Protein backbone atom coordinates (compact mmCIF):
# COMPACT_ATOMS: atom_id res chain seq x y z
CA MET A 1 -55.23 207.09 27.47
CA LYS A 2 -52.78 205.73 25.02
CA THR A 3 -55.51 203.42 23.71
CA LEU A 4 -57.95 206.37 23.41
CA SER A 5 -55.12 208.67 21.63
CA LYS A 6 -54.39 205.80 19.34
CA CYS A 7 -58.17 204.94 18.62
CA THR A 8 -58.53 209.21 17.82
CA LEU A 9 -55.45 209.45 15.53
CA LEU A 10 -56.80 206.45 13.63
CA ALA A 11 -60.25 207.93 13.47
CA LEU A 12 -58.68 210.96 12.30
CA LEU A 13 -56.72 209.94 9.91
CA ILE A 14 -59.46 207.69 8.19
CA ALA A 15 -61.62 211.25 8.51
CA LEU A 16 -58.54 212.44 6.38
CA ALA A 17 -58.12 210.01 3.94
CA THR A 18 -62.00 209.35 3.39
CA PRO A 19 -62.01 212.62 0.14
CA ALA A 20 -59.13 211.46 -0.77
CA LEU A 21 -59.98 208.45 -1.25
CA ALA A 22 -63.45 209.46 -2.84
CA GLU A 23 -61.45 211.88 -5.45
CA HIS A 24 -59.09 209.51 -6.37
CA LYS A 25 -61.72 207.15 -7.70
CA ALA A 26 -63.40 209.37 -9.35
CA GLU A 27 -60.62 210.74 -11.78
CA HIS A 28 -59.87 206.69 -11.99
CA LYS A 29 -63.97 206.72 -13.52
CA LYS A 30 -62.83 210.05 -15.88
CA GLY A 31 -59.33 208.48 -17.45
CA ASN A 32 -61.65 204.68 -17.43
CA ARG A 33 -64.42 207.31 -19.78
CA MET A 34 -61.85 208.07 -22.14
CA LEU A 35 -59.72 205.19 -22.81
CA GLU A 36 -62.80 203.91 -23.37
CA LYS A 37 -63.62 206.38 -25.65
CA CYS A 38 -60.79 207.28 -27.39
CA ASP A 39 -58.61 204.09 -28.23
CA THR A 40 -60.06 203.18 -31.67
CA ASP A 41 -58.23 200.27 -32.03
CA LYS A 42 -59.36 197.86 -28.17
CA ASP A 43 -55.98 198.04 -27.85
CA GLY A 44 -55.37 198.92 -23.94
CA LYS A 45 -53.69 202.67 -25.16
CA VAL A 46 -55.44 206.24 -26.02
CA SER A 47 -52.73 206.44 -29.62
CA GLU A 48 -52.08 210.20 -30.32
CA MET A 49 -53.75 209.39 -33.43
CA GLU A 50 -57.00 208.59 -31.30
CA PHE A 51 -55.97 211.42 -29.35
CA LEU A 52 -56.66 213.25 -31.86
CA GLU A 53 -59.38 212.36 -33.40
CA SER A 54 -61.40 212.67 -30.36
CA LYS A 55 -61.07 216.51 -30.18
CA LYS A 56 -62.41 217.14 -33.88
CA GLU A 57 -65.51 215.61 -32.05
CA ASN A 58 -65.20 218.76 -30.27
CA PHE A 59 -63.96 220.98 -32.52
CA LYS A 60 -66.17 220.98 -34.48
CA LYS A 61 -69.15 220.70 -32.21
CA ALA A 62 -68.38 223.82 -30.79
CA ASP A 63 -67.61 225.34 -34.02
CA LYS A 64 -71.27 226.55 -34.47
CA ASN A 65 -71.03 228.36 -38.10
CA SER A 66 -68.70 225.89 -39.77
CA ASP A 67 -65.49 227.55 -40.72
CA GLY A 68 -62.69 225.21 -39.49
CA PHE A 69 -62.27 228.76 -37.35
CA LEU A 70 -63.37 228.86 -33.10
CA ASP A 71 -63.68 232.39 -32.37
CA SER A 72 -63.65 234.53 -29.94
CA THR A 73 -67.60 233.66 -29.20
CA GLU A 74 -67.39 230.54 -29.87
CA ILE A 75 -64.53 229.45 -27.66
CA LYS A 76 -66.79 231.37 -25.40
CA GLU A 77 -69.66 229.65 -25.23
CA MET A 78 -68.15 226.20 -25.46
CA MET A 79 -66.69 226.90 -22.09
CA LYS A 80 -69.91 228.57 -20.88
CA GLU A 81 -72.09 224.33 -22.19
CA LYS A 82 -69.33 222.79 -19.87
CA HIS A 83 -69.18 224.97 -17.30
CA ASP A 84 -73.66 224.68 -16.65
CA LYS A 85 -73.38 220.71 -17.07
CA MET A 86 -71.30 220.36 -14.40
CA LYS A 87 -72.50 222.62 -12.72
CA LYS A 88 -75.42 220.70 -13.12
CA GLY A 89 -73.49 217.67 -11.68
CA LYS A 90 -73.95 215.95 -15.10
CA LYS A 91 -71.07 213.56 -16.54
CA HIS A 92 -68.49 215.45 -18.57
CA PRO A 93 -69.69 216.12 -21.36
CA ARG A 94 -67.10 214.12 -24.08
CA SER A 95 -68.97 211.93 -22.02
CA GLU A 96 -72.08 211.57 -22.37
CA LYS A 97 -72.04 209.79 -26.61
CA GLN A 98 -70.39 206.63 -25.21
CA GLU A 99 -73.87 205.62 -22.91
């Protein structure tokens, strides 16, 4: 009986850990994509300057009227586009350009 309960406990632990491991792996991949995209000097690290430069691209894309500002309509549209792409199961919009 002890063997059965140990096996049952082990199976339960594996079943519970599997989704957490899959989520961890997905987050790790996102981190690698960010590093690949933002690390422009390829030193294996992202400096503040490299990070901020990558955000400028997102800002320019969201600034539909090119006035140098994001108004509430542009922000809502940007968020809707991101949400729609994620909902369809596509990759995060920022990672699409590197492929």
